[in-house]
Amino acid sequence: MKKPAPFSTRVLSVVRRIPPGRVATYGDVAAFAGKPRASRAVGNIMRGCRRQDVPCHRVIAAGGRLGGYGGSEMLKRSLLVAEGVSVEGTRVREMDRVRWAPLRKTSKTPKTAAR
């Protein structure tokens, strides 16, 4: 079995930390994994990920769009709704409330991380 690249490993680690009922954009995950301009790479990693321990459905497109999920946007929507995320059509509502950011070791805690 081929060993994952370090960026892939960091991406999967970030996505595992997104709690139920919260979402992060592909760009957010790329930034948290150390490559802020690699949102497409994150999308490719998510598309190929079949691991049960990685909640890929919690990673969405910019602006709250659901984006793909292995070809089943309805499944992604259902999983998010089951976790309490409000979805209208193909967009997550109340992005400012459900958008996740990992806690940082700074004196100020970002609003989104406090929830």
C-alpha atoms as a PDB file:
ATOM      1  CA  MET A   1       0.000   0.000   0.000  1.00  0.00           C
ATOM      2  CA  LYS A   2       1.294   3.435  -0.975  1.00  0.00           C
ATOM      3  CA  LYS A   3       2.070   5.794   1.910  1.00  0.00           C
ATOM      4  CA  PRO A   4       0.051   9.064   1.729  1.00  0.00           C
ATOM      5  CA  ALA A   5       1.892  12.295   0.987  1.00  0.00           C
ATOM      6  CA  PRO A   6       2.477  14.587   3.974  1.00  0.00           C
ATOM      7  CA  PHE A   7      -0.077  17.157   2.749  1.00  0.00           C
ATOM      8  CA  SER A   8      -2.712  14.429   2.365  1.00  0.00           C
ATOM      9  CA  THR A   9      -1.962  13.256   5.881  1.00  0.00           C
ATOM     10  CA  ARG A  10      -2.356  16.797   7.250  1.00  0.00           C
ATOM     11  CA  VAL A  11      -5.623  17.282   5.330  1.00  0.00           C
ATOM     12  CA  LEU A  12      -7.095  14.050   6.701  1.00  0.00           C
ATOM     13  CA  SER A  13      -5.981  15.021  10.204  1.00  0.00           C
ATOM     14  CA  VAL A  14      -7.701  18.419   9.922  1.00  0.00           C
ATOM     15  CA  VAL A  15     -10.926  16.907   8.577  1.00  0.00           C
ATOM     16  CA  ARG A  16     -11.028  14.331  11.397  1.00  0.00           C
ATOM     17  CA  ARG A  17     -11.081  17.244  13.867  1.00  0.00           C
ATOM     18  CA  ILE A  18     -14.226  18.880  12.417  1.00  0.00           C
ATOM     19  CA  PRO A  19     -16.910  18.128  15.012  1.00  0.00           C
ATOM     20  CA  PRO A  20     -20.437  16.949  14.193  1.00  0.00           C
ATOM     21  CA  GLY A  21     -22.729  19.833  13.317  1.00  0.00           C
ATOM     22  CA  ARG A  22     -19.875  21.975  11.993  1.00  0.00           C
ATOM     23  CA  VAL A  23     -18.401  22.475   8.514  1.00  0.00           C
ATOM     24  CA  ALA A  24     -15.216  23.843   6.947  1.00  0.00           C
ATOM     25  CA  THR A  25     -14.596  24.916   3.366  1.00  0.00           C
ATOM     26  CA  TYR A  26     -12.045  23.260   1.113  1.00  0.00           C
ATOM     27  CA  GLY A  27     -10.039  26.493   1.435  1.00  0.00           C
ATOM     28  CA  ASP A  28     -10.272  26.416   5.236  1.00  0.00           C
ATOM     29  CA  VAL A  29      -8.950  22.855   5.324  1.00  0.00           C
ATOM     30  CA  ALA A  30      -6.129  23.749   2.926  1.00  0.00           C
ATOM     31  CA  ALA A  31      -5.121  26.691   5.123  1.00  0.00           C
ATOM     32  CA  PHE A  32      -5.304  24.667   8.352  1.00  0.00           C
ATOM     33  CA  ALA A  33      -3.172  21.970   6.657  1.00  0.00           C
ATOM     34  CA  GLY A  34      -0.524  24.550   5.797  1.00  0.00           C
ATOM     35  CA  LYS A  35      -1.217  25.311   2.116  1.00  0.00           C
ATOM     36  CA  PRO A  36      -3.820  28.081   1.893  1.00  0.00           C
ATOM     37  CA  ARG A  37      -3.927  28.050  -1.916  1.00  0.00           C
ATOM     38  CA  ALA A  38      -4.491  24.294  -2.225  1.00  0.00           C
ATOM     39  CA  SER A  39      -8.291  24.080  -1.990  1.00  0.00           C
ATOM     40  CA  ARG A  40      -8.500  22.081  -5.235  1.00  0.00           C
ATOM     41  CA  ALA A  41      -5.994  19.596  -3.872  1.00  0.00           C
ATOM     42  CA  VAL A  42      -8.181  19.229  -0.774  1.00  0.00           C
ATOM     43  CA  GLY A  43     -11.166  18.578  -3.049  1.00  0.00           C
ATOM     44  CA  ASN A  44      -9.232  15.856  -4.856  1.00  0.00           C
ATOM     45  CA  ILE A  45      -8.179  14.279  -1.566  1.00  0.00           C
ATOM     46  CA  MET A  46     -11.783  14.333  -0.324  1.00  0.00           C
ATOM     47  CA  ARG A  47     -13.070  12.842  -3.590  1.00  0.00           C
ATOM     48  CA  GLY A  48     -10.665   9.896  -3.301  1.00  0.00           C
ATOM     49  CA  CYS A  49     -11.109   9.357   0.436  1.00  0.00           C
ATOM     50  CA  ARG A  50     -13.144   6.298   1.367  1.00  0.00           C
ATOM     51  CA  ARG A  51     -12.072   6.132   4.999  1.00  0.00           C
ATOM     52  CA  GLN A  52     -14.787   5.693   7.606  1.00  0.00           C
ATOM     53  CA  ASP A  53     -12.804   7.708  10.174  1.00  0.00           C
ATOM     54  CA  VAL A  54     -12.737  10.874   8.029  1.00  0.00           C
ATOM     55  CA  PRO A  55     -15.995  12.894   7.952  1.00  0.00           C
ATOM     56  CA  CYS A  56     -15.552  14.195   4.395  1.00  0.00           C
ATOM     57  CA  HIS A  57     -19.185  15.328   4.276  1.00  0.00           C
ATOM     58  CA  ARG A  58     -18.282  18.189   6.632  1.00  0.00           C
ATOM     59  CA  VAL A  59     -16.055  19.811   4.002  1.00  0.00           C
ATOM     60  CA  ILE A  60     -17.997  22.135   1.714  1.00  0.00           C
ATOM     61  CA  ALA A  61     -17.343  24.585  -1.102  1.00  0.00           C
ATOM     62  CA  ALA A  62     -16.842  28.309  -0.631  1.00  0.00           C
ATOM     63  CA  GLY A  63     -19.926  30.365   0.090  1.00  0.00           C
ATOM     64  CA  GLY A  64     -21.673  27.447   1.756  1.00  0.00           C
ATOM     65  CA  ARG A  65     -22.300  25.354  -1.365  1.00  0.00           C
ATOM     66  CA  LEU A  66     -22.361  21.653  -0.604  1.00  0.00           C
ATOM     67  CA  GLY A  67     -20.083  20.662  -3.461  1.00  0.00           C
ATOM     68  CA  GLY A  68     -19.651  17.045  -4.439  1.00  0.00           C
ATOM     69  CA  TYR A  69     -19.566  14.013  -2.214  1.00  0.00           C
ATOM     70  CA  GLY A  70     -18.556  11.000  -4.220  1.00  0.00           C
ATOM     71  CA  GLY A  71     -21.289  11.858  -6.686  1.00  0.00           C
ATOM     72  CA  SER A  72     -24.108  12.014  -4.132  1.00  0.00           C
ATOM     73  CA  GLU A  73     -24.869  15.544  -3.045  1.00  0.00           C
ATOM     74  CA  MET A  74     -28.153  14.274  -1.548  1.00  0.00           C
ATOM     75  CA  LEU A  75     -26.235  11.930   0.768  1.00  0.00           C
ATOM     76  CA  LYS A  76     -23.945  14.773   1.860  1.00  0.00           C
ATOM     77  CA  ARG A  77     -26.988  16.962   2.521  1.00  0.00           C
ATOM     78  CA  SER A  78     -28.691  14.194   4.521  1.00  0.00           C
ATOM     79  CA  LEU A  79     -25.599  13.565   6.657  1.00  0.00           C
ATOM     80  CA  LEU A  80     -25.211  17.272   7.452  1.00  0.00           C
ATOM     81  CA  VAL A  81     -28.908  17.716   8.258  1.00  0.00           C
ATOM     82  CA  ALA A  82     -28.760  14.650  10.548  1.00  0.00           C
ATOM     83  CA  GLU A  83     -25.965  16.418  12.453  1.00  0.00           C
ATOM     84  CA  GLY A  84     -28.068  19.557  12.873  1.00  0.00           C
ATOM     85  CA  VAL A  85     -26.607  21.672  10.061  1.00  0.00           C
ATOM     86  CA  SER A  86     -29.294  23.761   8.388  1.00  0.00           C
ATOM     87  CA  VAL A  87     -29.226  23.249   4.613  1.00  0.00           C
ATOM     88  CA  GLU A  88     -31.457  25.039   2.135  1.00  0.00           C
ATOM     89  CA  GLY A  89     -31.302  23.679  -1.385  1.00  0.00           C
ATOM     90  CA  THR A  90     -27.607  23.138  -2.036  1.00  0.00           C
ATOM     91  CA  ARG A  91     -26.255  25.635   0.499  1.00  0.00           C
ATOM     92  CA  VAL A  92     -25.487  25.539   4.194  1.00  0.00           C
ATOM     93  CA  ARG A  93     -27.411  28.232   6.035  1.00  0.00           C
ATOM     94  CA  GLU A  94     -25.965  30.245   8.897  1.00  0.00           C
ATOM     95  CA  MET A  95     -22.374  29.687   7.789  1.00  0.00           C
ATOM     96  CA  ASP A  96     -21.086  32.048  10.472  1.00  0.00           C
ATOM     97  CA  ARG A  97     -22.653  29.804  13.129  1.00  0.00           C
ATOM     98  CA  VAL A  98     -21.557  26.397  11.812  1.00  0.00           C
ATOM     99  CA  ARG A  99     -18.200  27.200  10.202  1.00  0.00           C
ATOM    100  CA  TRP A 100     -15.447  25.516  12.156  1.00  0.00           C
ATOM    101  CA  ALA A 101     -11.941  26.716  12.872  1.00  0.00           C
ATOM    102  CA  PRO A 102      -9.482  24.832  15.072  1.00  0.00           C
ATOM    103  CA  LEU A 103      -8.473  26.462  18.312  1.00  0.00           C
ATOM    104  CA  ARG A 104      -5.275  28.403  17.925  1.00  0.00           C
ATOM    105  CA  LYS A 105      -2.653  29.053  20.565  1.00  0.00           C
ATOM    106  CA  THR A 106      -3.102  32.832  20.610  1.00  0.00           C
ATOM    107  CA  SER A 107      -4.392  35.326  23.120  1.00  0.00           C
ATOM    108  CA  LYS A 108      -7.551  35.838  21.060  1.00  0.00           C
ATOM    109  CA  THR A 109      -9.947  32.983  20.339  1.00  0.00           C
ATOM    110  CA  PRO A 110     -11.710  33.276  16.964  1.00  0.00           C
ATOM    111  CA  LYS A 111     -15.484  33.563  17.215  1.00  0.00           C
ATOM    112  CA  THR A 112     -16.019  30.391  15.212  1.00  0.00           C
ATOM    113  CA  ALA A 113     -13.681  28.329  17.384  1.00  0.00           C
ATOM    114  CA  ALA A 114     -15.493  29.203  20.613  1.00  0.00           C
ATOM    115  CA  ARG A 115     -18.599  27.203  19.688  1.00  0.00           C
END
